Structure formats: structure tokens, C-alpha cells
């Protein structure tokens, strides 16, 4: 059987969760699964083997090398020594990786704090990672060691590095809800952490930027709650490849040097106001008069695909429509424009402070209304 993106069971009214249809459709719409169903079995075996190899090369092998350090000191050369000042040395890269890992760890632990899912143990922990035969420094152990021994590094969107004291680092996660599960168990957030770490290693030009956790989260949740166990068992690998594909379309939003290019986030933010000017000039002029610039609120809307504006089930519902639109990022601009028009009366009546509060804490929670309005704008009505 062959699928086409236009023939997948997607619609303006969303994709059903029942029977794992949504998770399956997302795998197709995110250009992971081939459209020819007869190729799925061999393709999935191959891709999941590739991901297993990534785990071995980027987590297990460096972890074994670190665990063995000092076991046979006579074999340690300058090249292998952790204090080797050469920026290309493997240990220098290892410690740089730990900086990235620490930022990922801090972000994924607080992923969707309003729901318990990401703190719960997965039914399918990675056996390769947890295999007691593999004596190596796990990501969990690397975070613990880095937190104890070094300062906490916090890199913001502009690339500025803020360093806090080791004392504060010890109290990063004072709440019991963030305690790590016992050996042999993995929380869902730990799986997400691993996905993001592998992505950062494979994409050194962008590595990890805060906010990527908000994009991978809904994909992983959708795959990890699939009612079909044969799919759910491989949620980690499939999420990695779907996230990578989505980021290949969205990554320019995370690269600061491209902000002002035509493919960068500034152009997209201005596109929201250009469309608003075309669809509702009165509202556009009001926002201009109040000096409310699109970057004040659309940066988060566009970069994170609205994942922080709504509850997770509503984000997933929006993404059903986004992913099924062949011009998904143009449709996202339509959705943002619709969100403005739907609160036009409040915006026209409000002052700068009131309006900024509205835009940074969007008041409408009914995403069906928003998507309906966006479709009307798309159809030109």
C-alpha cells in the first residue's frame, strides 16, 4: 500500500489518537516513514540500528573511556590525558559535551511540569544503556559529576554564558518530583535528554539551544503513549529521527547568525505583521501606534511552534494541522495572525501594558476556534 501526504487521514478537525493513527501519521508527515508501506519493516529495522550505533558511539564508548581512566595509568599518554590543553583533544570535547548536557538536563527535567508523564518511568527503558555488563559513565552519572565538580553553565539565546557557583548547582533540583529513579528504571525525561544529546553531538553547528526540548517533547509524548506496543517500544529512536527532520525545516530559527536573513526568525516574525496588515489593517495600525513589535511575542510563538502557549493536548492538536499542511510554516504564520485577530476587540481597547500581557499570556484556550480562523484566512475569507 502506498500513501501520499495528501491521502493520510488528516484533516482540519485533527488526527484520531485511537489505534495509534496519530503517531503513525506523524511518522509519515514528518518524512520519516516511506510512503510505500511495503518498505516500512526493513526501513525501521535499519533506522533503529543506526540509532543504536549512535548510542554506542556517542554515549557508551566515551563513557567507558572515562570510567577506565586511571585503571591503567601506564597507558595514559599526553594525547589521552584529561588535562591535555589541545582544543581538539577528546577530553576537551568530552568536557564541552558536559556543558551542553548540563543545559539539556536542566531543561528536560522541567518539561511540561503541569503533568506527571515525563517524571514517570518508561515501560521500555533502553536496555543497551542500562545493561549492567556495560561499565561506563552514563549520562545520569555525568550530570551528577559535572554538577558536583564544576560550575553551572547557562547559555541563553544570544550565546551569553552565565556561570553560577558550585554551591548553587547542588540545589538545582530541590523538589522531590525531580529525583532520579532507581537503577534499572528510566524516566521519560531521561529518554528525551538522550535524544537531545545525540542530536547536539551530530549537529555541532547548532548543538543544543534552549527551546528544542519544547519541540521534541510533544513528538516523544505522542510516540511513547502509542496504544500499539510494537510502535511504543521504539518511541526513542523514532522520535529522534522525526525531531531531526522537523529541525531540518525549523533549525534556522535557532541560529542567531541567520536571524536577519530571509530564512531567519526576524523575517518570519515580520511576516506575521505583514499578514495582519493585509487581513486587519485597523488592528495592525493599533499595534504599530503602541510600538508593540512582533519580536515581543511572536519569537516564542514561531520558534517553539506554539508549544508554550497551550496545554500539551492542545499543542498536539495544533501540530496535527500544522504537520498535515504542505506549507506548514506558512500555516503557522496564519495561525499567529488568527490569534491576534481573535482578540482584536481587547487589543483595540487596551493600552501597551494590557496588550503585552494579553500577547504574552494568550487568553483563548480553544484551539479549534484558532485553527478555524486560520483556515478562513488561508482560504481568503
Protein backbone atom coordinates (compact mmCIF):
# COMPACT_ATOMS: atom_id res chain seq x y z
CA UNK A 1 0.00 0.00 0.00
CA UNK A 2 1.25 3.49 -0.86
CA UNK A 3 0.42 6.71 0.97
CA UNK A 4 0.71 10.28 -0.07
CA UNK A 5 0.85 13.18 2.33
CA UNK A 6 -2.44 14.42 0.95
CA UNK A 7 -4.06 10.99 1.43
CA UNK A 8 -3.07 10.42 5.05
CA UNK A 9 -6.11 10.53 7.35
CA UNK A 10 -5.50 14.11 8.39
CA UNK A 11 -7.97 16.92 8.40
CA UNK A 12 -8.74 20.30 9.80
CA UNK A 13 -10.54 18.52 12.65
CA UNK A 14 -7.35 16.71 13.73
CA UNK A 15 -5.96 13.19 13.67
CA UNK A 16 -7.52 10.46 15.84
CA UNK A 17 -5.38 9.10 18.68
CA UNK A 18 -7.24 5.77 18.68
CA UNK A 19 -5.36 2.80 17.29
CA UNK A 20 -2.13 4.76 17.11
CA UNK A 21 -3.29 6.59 13.99
CA UNK A 22 -1.89 9.95 15.09
CA UNK A 23 1.58 8.58 15.88
CA UNK A 24 1.65 6.74 12.57
CA UNK A 25 0.53 9.81 10.62
CA UNK A 26 3.16 11.99 12.29
CA UNK A 27 5.86 9.50 11.26
CA UNK A 28 4.68 9.89 7.66
CA UNK A 29 4.05 13.65 7.74
CA UNK A 30 7.48 14.31 9.27
CA UNK A 31 9.03 12.47 6.32
CA UNK A 32 10.30 9.56 8.38
CA UNK A 33 8.30 6.60 7.13
CA UNK A 34 8.40 5.93 3.36
CA UNK A 35 5.09 6.39 1.57
CA UNK A 36 5.31 2.80 0.34
CA UNK A 37 4.13 0.69 3.27
CA UNK A 38 5.87 -2.42 1.94
CA UNK A 39 9.20 -0.74 2.75
CA UNK A 40 8.38 0.04 6.38
CA UNK A 41 9.67 -3.12 8.06
CA UNK A 42 13.15 -3.08 6.51
CA UNK A 43 13.40 0.71 6.81
CA UNK A 44 12.53 0.73 10.52
CA UNK A 45 14.97 -2.09 11.32
CA UNK A 46 17.74 -0.15 9.58
CA UNK A 47 16.95 3.21 11.21
CA UNK A 48 16.67 1.75 14.69
CA UNK A 49 20.02 0.00 14.20
CA UNK A 50 21.53 3.34 13.16
CA UNK A 51 20.21 4.94 16.35
CA UNK A 52 21.64 2.09 18.45
CA UNK A 53 25.00 2.78 16.82
CA UNK A 54 24.70 6.46 17.77
CA UNK A 55 24.16 5.43 21.39
CA UNK A 56 27.23 3.22 21.33
CA UNK A 57 29.50 5.80 19.69
CA UNK A 58 28.36 8.93 21.49
CA UNK A 59 27.36 7.77 24.97
CA UNK A 60 28.66 4.30 25.77
CA UNK A 61 32.16 4.37 24.25
CA UNK A 62 33.11 7.80 25.69
CA UNK A 63 31.61 6.68 28.99
CA UNK A 64 33.73 3.52 29.01
CA UNK A 65 36.86 5.58 28.28
CA UNK A 66 36.02 7.92 31.17
CA UNK A 67 35.27 5.03 33.54
CA UNK A 68 38.57 3.35 32.65
CA UNK A 69 40.62 6.50 33.20
CA UNK A 70 43.21 5.77 35.84
CA UNK A 71 42.67 2.00 35.76
CA UNK A 72 45.83 1.52 33.70
CA UNK A 73 47.75 4.73 34.26
CA UNK A 74 50.86 3.48 32.47
CA UNK A 75 48.87 3.56 29.22
CA UNK A 76 47.77 7.19 29.56
CA UNK A 77 49.63 9.40 27.08
CA UNK A 78 49.53 13.20 26.87
CA UNK A 79 47.10 12.88 23.99
CA UNK A 80 44.74 10.81 26.14
CA UNK A 81 45.13 12.85 29.30
CA UNK A 82 42.14 14.93 30.51
CA UNK A 83 44.44 17.89 31.22
CA UNK A 84 45.75 17.98 27.66
CA UNK A 85 45.31 21.65 26.63
CA UNK A 86 44.83 20.82 22.93
CA UNK A 87 41.33 22.09 21.97
CA UNK A 88 40.98 19.10 19.62
CA UNK A 89 41.72 16.51 22.30
CA UNK A 90 38.95 14.04 23.00
CA UNK A 91 38.84 15.06 26.66
CA UNK A 92 38.39 18.71 25.78
CA UNK A 93 35.44 17.65 23.62
CA UNK A 94 34.18 15.46 26.45
CA UNK A 95 34.13 18.38 28.87
CA UNK A 96 32.49 20.65 26.27
CA UNK A 97 29.84 17.98 25.80
CA UNK A 98 29.21 18.07 29.53
CA UNK A 99 28.38 21.79 29.34
CA UNK A 100 25.78 21.04 26.68
CA UNK A 101 24.50 18.05 28.63
CA UNK A 102 24.03 20.13 31.76
CA UNK A 103 21.87 22.66 29.91
CA UNK A 104 19.81 19.89 28.32
CA UNK A 105 19.41 18.22 31.70
CA UNK A 106 18.16 21.39 33.34
CA UNK A 107 15.60 21.96 30.58
CA UNK A 108 14.22 18.43 30.21
CA UNK A 109 13.70 17.95 33.94
CA UNK A 110 11.13 20.76 33.88
CA UNK A 111 9.44 19.69 30.65
CA UNK A 112 5.67 20.13 30.99
CA UNK A 113 5.73 20.46 34.80
CA UNK A 114 1.92 20.61 34.90
CA UNK A 115 1.72 16.90 34.06
CA UNK A 116 3.46 13.92 35.64
CA UNK A 117 4.16 11.96 32.45
CA UNK A 118 7.78 12.99 31.92
CA UNK A 119 8.69 12.16 35.54
CA UNK A 120 7.25 8.66 35.31
CA UNK A 121 9.29 5.59 34.33
CA UNK A 122 9.08 4.45 30.74
CA UNK A 123 7.77 0.95 30.08
CA UNK A 124 10.63 0.49 27.64
CA UNK A 125 13.91 1.71 29.17
CA UNK A 126 16.90 1.44 26.85
CA UNK A 127 18.38 -1.97 27.68
CA UNK A 128 21.65 -1.11 25.96
CA UNK A 129 22.11 1.90 28.23
CA UNK A 130 21.06 0.04 31.38
CA UNK A 131 22.93 -3.21 30.64
CA UNK A 132 24.93 -3.98 33.82
CA UNK A 133 27.62 -5.55 31.62
CA UNK A 134 28.43 -2.08 30.27
CA UNK A 135 30.56 -0.48 32.94
CA UNK A 136 30.65 3.11 31.75
CA UNK A 137 29.82 6.62 32.88
CA UNK A 138 26.15 7.12 31.99
CA UNK A 139 24.61 10.49 31.13
CA UNK A 140 22.95 10.38 34.55
CA UNK A 141 26.35 9.93 36.21
CA UNK A 142 27.96 12.57 34.00
CA UNK A 143 25.36 15.11 35.11
CA UNK A 144 25.85 14.23 38.77
CA UNK A 145 29.64 14.50 38.49
CA UNK A 146 29.57 17.72 36.47
CA UNK A 147 27.11 19.30 38.87
CA UNK A 148 29.22 18.37 41.85
CA UNK A 149 32.62 19.28 40.45
CA UNK A 150 32.05 22.25 38.21
CA UNK A 151 30.13 25.42 37.88
CA UNK A 152 26.73 25.50 36.29
CA UNK A 153 26.80 26.87 32.78
CA UNK A 154 23.69 28.58 31.47
CA UNK A 155 23.78 29.65 27.83
CA UNK A 156 20.94 31.87 26.74
CA UNK A 157 19.50 32.54 23.29
CA UNK A 158 22.16 35.17 22.50
CA UNK A 159 25.01 32.80 23.29
CA UNK A 160 25.92 34.61 26.52
CA UNK A 161 27.25 32.25 29.15
CA UNK A 162 26.23 32.79 32.75
CA UNK A 163 28.20 30.94 35.38
CA UNK A 164 26.86 30.28 38.84
CA UNK A 165 28.68 28.95 41.86
CA UNK A 166 29.06 25.22 42.55
CA UNK A 167 27.11 25.72 45.76
CA UNK A 168 24.03 26.78 43.84
CA UNK A 169 24.49 23.92 41.41
CA UNK A 170 23.96 21.44 44.22
CA UNK A 171 20.46 22.82 44.72
CA UNK A 172 19.40 22.82 41.08
CA UNK A 173 16.57 20.40 41.71
CA UNK A 174 15.44 20.70 45.31
CA UNK A 175 11.98 19.31 44.67
CA UNK A 176 11.39 15.61 45.25
CA UNK A 177 9.44 15.35 42.00
CA UNK A 178 12.74 15.70 40.13
CA UNK A 179 14.55 12.92 41.95
CA UNK A 180 16.15 10.37 39.66
CA UNK A 181 14.54 6.93 39.56
CA UNK A 182 16.37 3.85 40.90
CA UNK A 183 18.89 1.94 38.80
CA UNK A 184 17.19 -0.15 36.14
CA UNK A 185 14.49 2.47 35.57
CA UNK A 186 14.41 5.49 33.31
CA UNK A 187 12.05 8.44 33.46
CA UNK A 188 10.65 9.71 30.20
CA UNK A 189 12.61 12.95 30.61
CA UNK A 190 15.84 10.92 30.65
CA UNK A 191 14.93 9.45 27.28
CA UNK A 192 14.28 12.96 25.92
CA UNK A 193 17.63 14.07 27.36
CA UNK A 194 19.40 11.29 25.46
CA UNK A 195 17.67 12.21 22.19
CA UNK A 196 18.70 15.86 22.53
CA UNK A 197 22.28 14.94 23.48
CA UNK A 198 22.67 12.71 20.43
CA UNK A 199 21.18 15.46 18.25
CA UNK A 200 23.63 18.01 19.66
CA UNK A 201 26.58 15.68 19.02
CA UNK A 202 25.51 15.04 15.44
CA UNK A 203 24.80 18.72 14.73
CA UNK A 204 27.74 20.64 16.22
CA UNK A 205 26.93 23.75 14.18
CA UNK A 206 23.77 24.28 16.21
CA UNK A 207 24.28 21.73 19.05
CA UNK A 208 21.56 22.41 21.63
CA UNK A 209 19.64 25.65 22.06
CA UNK A 210 17.13 26.17 24.84
CA UNK A 211 13.66 25.54 23.45
CA UNK A 212 14.48 22.42 21.48
CA UNK A 213 13.20 20.49 24.49
CA UNK A 214 9.78 22.06 23.88
CA UNK A 215 9.76 20.77 20.31
CA UNK A 216 10.93 17.22 20.95
CA UNK A 217 8.58 16.83 23.96
CA UNK A 218 5.23 16.59 22.12
CA UNK A 219 6.68 14.23 19.49
CA UNK A 220 8.07 11.89 22.12
CA UNK A 221 4.86 12.04 24.17
CA UNK A 222 2.79 11.12 21.11
CA UNK A 223 5.02 8.15 20.28
CA UNK A 224 5.53 6.98 23.88
CA UNK A 225 1.76 6.87 24.53
CA UNK A 226 1.00 4.92 21.33
CA UNK A 227 -1.52 2.19 22.19
CA UNK A 228 0.40 -0.23 19.95
CA UNK A 229 3.30 -1.66 21.95
CA UNK A 230 5.30 -2.62 18.85
CA UNK A 231 5.50 1.08 17.97
CA UNK A 232 5.73 2.39 21.53
CA UNK A 233 8.75 0.19 22.22
CA UNK A 234 10.75 2.20 19.67
CA UNK A 235 9.49 5.65 20.63
CA UNK A 236 13.03 6.88 21.38
CA UNK A 237 14.62 6.09 18.03
CA UNK A 238 11.57 7.16 16.00
CA UNK A 239 11.31 10.42 17.96
CA UNK A 240 14.97 11.15 17.28
CA UNK A 241 14.58 10.86 13.51
CA UNK A 242 11.26 12.73 13.39
CA UNK A 243 12.68 15.51 15.57
CA UNK A 244 15.76 15.69 13.34
CA UNK A 245 13.56 16.02 10.25
CA UNK A 246 11.41 18.71 11.84
CA UNK A 247 14.50 20.60 12.98
CA UNK A 248 15.89 20.46 9.44
CA UNK A 249 12.92 22.65 8.49
CA UNK A 250 12.93 24.74 11.67
CA UNK A 251 16.61 24.97 12.67
CA UNK A 252 17.25 28.38 11.07
CA UNK A 253 15.05 29.86 13.80
CA UNK A 254 17.62 28.68 16.36
CA UNK A 255 20.71 30.03 14.59
CA UNK A 256 21.31 33.59 15.73
CA UNK A 257 23.61 34.48 12.83
CA UNK A 258 20.68 33.85 10.45
CA UNK A 259 18.14 35.93 12.40
CA UNK A 260 18.08 38.77 9.86
CA UNK A 261 18.29 36.63 6.72
CA UNK A 262 15.24 35.69 4.66
CA UNK A 263 15.26 32.22 6.22
CA UNK A 264 15.74 33.58 9.75
CA UNK A 265 13.30 34.25 12.56
CA UNK A 266 13.18 38.05 12.10
CA UNK A 267 11.75 37.71 8.60
CA UNK A 268 9.13 35.24 9.85
CA UNK A 269 8.13 37.49 12.76
CA UNK A 270 7.69 40.41 10.39
CA UNK A 271 5.64 38.17 8.10
CA UNK A 272 3.04 37.85 10.87
CA UNK A 273 2.60 41.64 10.95
CA UNK A 274 2.64 41.86 7.14
CA UNK A 275 -0.20 39.37 7.01
CA UNK A 276 -2.04 41.18 9.80
CA UNK A 277 -1.75 44.43 7.83
CA UNK A 278 -3.34 42.66 4.87
CA UNK A 279 -6.13 41.00 6.88
CA UNK A 280 -6.92 43.62 9.57
CA UNK A 281 -5.25 46.97 8.94
CA UNK A 282 -7.00 48.65 11.88
CA UNK A 283 -5.51 46.21 14.38
CA UNK A 284 -2.14 46.41 12.66
CA UNK A 285 -2.07 50.21 12.97
CA UNK A 286 -3.09 49.99 16.64
CA UNK A 287 -0.15 47.72 17.46
CA UNK A 288 2.16 49.97 15.44
CA UNK A 289 0.88 53.04 17.28
CA UNK A 290 1.61 51.37 20.63
CA UNK A 291 5.07 50.34 19.39
CA UNK A 292 4.27 46.67 20.02
CA UNK A 293 6.81 44.89 17.86
CA UNK A 294 6.36 41.32 16.59
CA UNK A 295 9.56 40.14 18.32
CA UNK A 296 8.00 40.90 21.70
CA UNK A 297 5.77 37.84 21.43
CA UNK A 298 5.98 36.06 18.04
CA UNK A 299 9.58 34.93 18.62
CA UNK A 300 8.36 32.34 21.11
CA UNK A 301 5.22 31.53 19.13
CA UNK A 302 7.12 30.78 15.92
CA UNK A 303 10.34 29.26 17.22
CA UNK A 304 8.61 26.82 19.57
CA UNK A 305 5.65 26.13 17.24
CA UNK A 306 3.23 27.45 19.89
CA UNK A 307 4.27 24.68 22.28
CA UNK A 308 4.45 27.05 25.27
CA UNK A 309 1.20 28.86 24.63
CA UNK A 310 -1.20 25.96 25.20
CA UNK A 311 -1.56 22.75 27.20
CA UNK A 312 0.12 19.71 25.67
CA UNK A 313 -3.08 18.08 24.28
CA UNK A 314 -3.89 21.37 22.54
CA UNK A 315 -0.34 21.71 21.21
CA UNK A 316 -0.64 18.21 19.75
CA UNK A 317 -3.97 19.16 18.16
CA UNK A 318 -2.40 22.26 16.56
CA UNK A 319 0.51 20.19 15.31
CA UNK A 320 -1.90 17.73 13.66
CA UNK A 321 -2.96 20.55 11.37
CA UNK A 322 0.50 22.09 11.02
CA UNK A 323 2.15 18.83 10.02
CA UNK A 324 -0.60 17.95 7.55
CA UNK A 325 -0.29 21.28 5.73
CA UNK A 326 2.25 21.07 2.93
CA UNK A 327 3.33 24.63 3.71
CA UNK A 328 3.34 24.07 7.43
CA UNK A 329 5.43 27.07 8.41
CA UNK A 330 3.34 29.40 6.29
CA UNK A 331 0.28 27.97 8.00
CA UNK A 332 1.93 28.67 11.37
CA UNK A 333 2.09 32.36 10.40
CA UNK A 334 -1.63 32.18 9.55
CA UNK A 335 -2.31 30.68 12.99
CA UNK A 336 -0.39 33.50 14.68
CA UNK A 337 -2.31 36.07 12.68
CA UNK A 338 -5.60 34.36 13.59
CA UNK A 339 -4.63 34.51 17.28
CA UNK A 340 -4.24 38.29 17.01
CA UNK A 341 -7.49 38.83 15.12
CA UNK A 342 -9.48 36.71 17.58
CA UNK A 343 -8.57 39.10 20.42
CA UNK A 344 -8.79 42.25 18.28
CA UNK A 345 -11.50 43.90 20.41
CA UNK A 346 -9.41 43.52 23.56
CA UNK A 347 -6.27 44.73 21.79
CA UNK A 348 -8.05 47.76 20.29
CA UNK A 349 -9.36 48.69 23.75
CA UNK A 350 -6.16 48.04 25.70
CA UNK A 351 -3.07 50.12 26.38
CA UNK A 352 0.50 48.92 25.87
CA UNK A 353 0.75 47.14 29.24
CA UNK A 354 -2.61 45.39 28.96
CA UNK A 355 -1.92 44.31 25.39
CA UNK A 356 1.54 42.97 26.13
CA UNK A 357 0.07 40.92 28.95
CA UNK A 358 -2.54 39.51 26.55
CA UNK A 359 0.05 38.60 23.95
CA UNK A 360 2.49 37.02 26.36
CA UNK A 361 -0.22 35.04 28.15
CA UNK A 362 -2.67 34.32 25.35
CA UNK A 363 -6.24 34.23 26.73
CA UNK A 364 -8.02 31.86 24.32
CA UNK A 365 -7.61 28.16 25.07
CA UNK A 366 -9.99 26.77 22.42
CA UNK A 367 -7.53 25.81 19.68
CA UNK A 368 -10.33 24.67 17.36
CA UNK A 369 -11.54 28.27 17.17
CA UNK A 370 -8.00 29.43 16.37
CA UNK A 371 -7.46 26.80 13.67
CA UNK A 372 -10.85 27.55 12.13
CA UNK A 373 -9.95 31.23 11.90
CA UNK A 374 -6.53 30.40 10.40
CA UNK A 375 -8.22 28.23 7.75
CA UNK A 376 -10.57 31.11 6.93
CA UNK A 377 -7.57 33.40 6.47
CA UNK A 378 -5.89 30.77 4.32
CA UNK A 379 -8.99 30.49 2.13
CA UNK A 380 -9.11 34.26 1.81
CA UNK A 381 -12.43 34.78 3.57
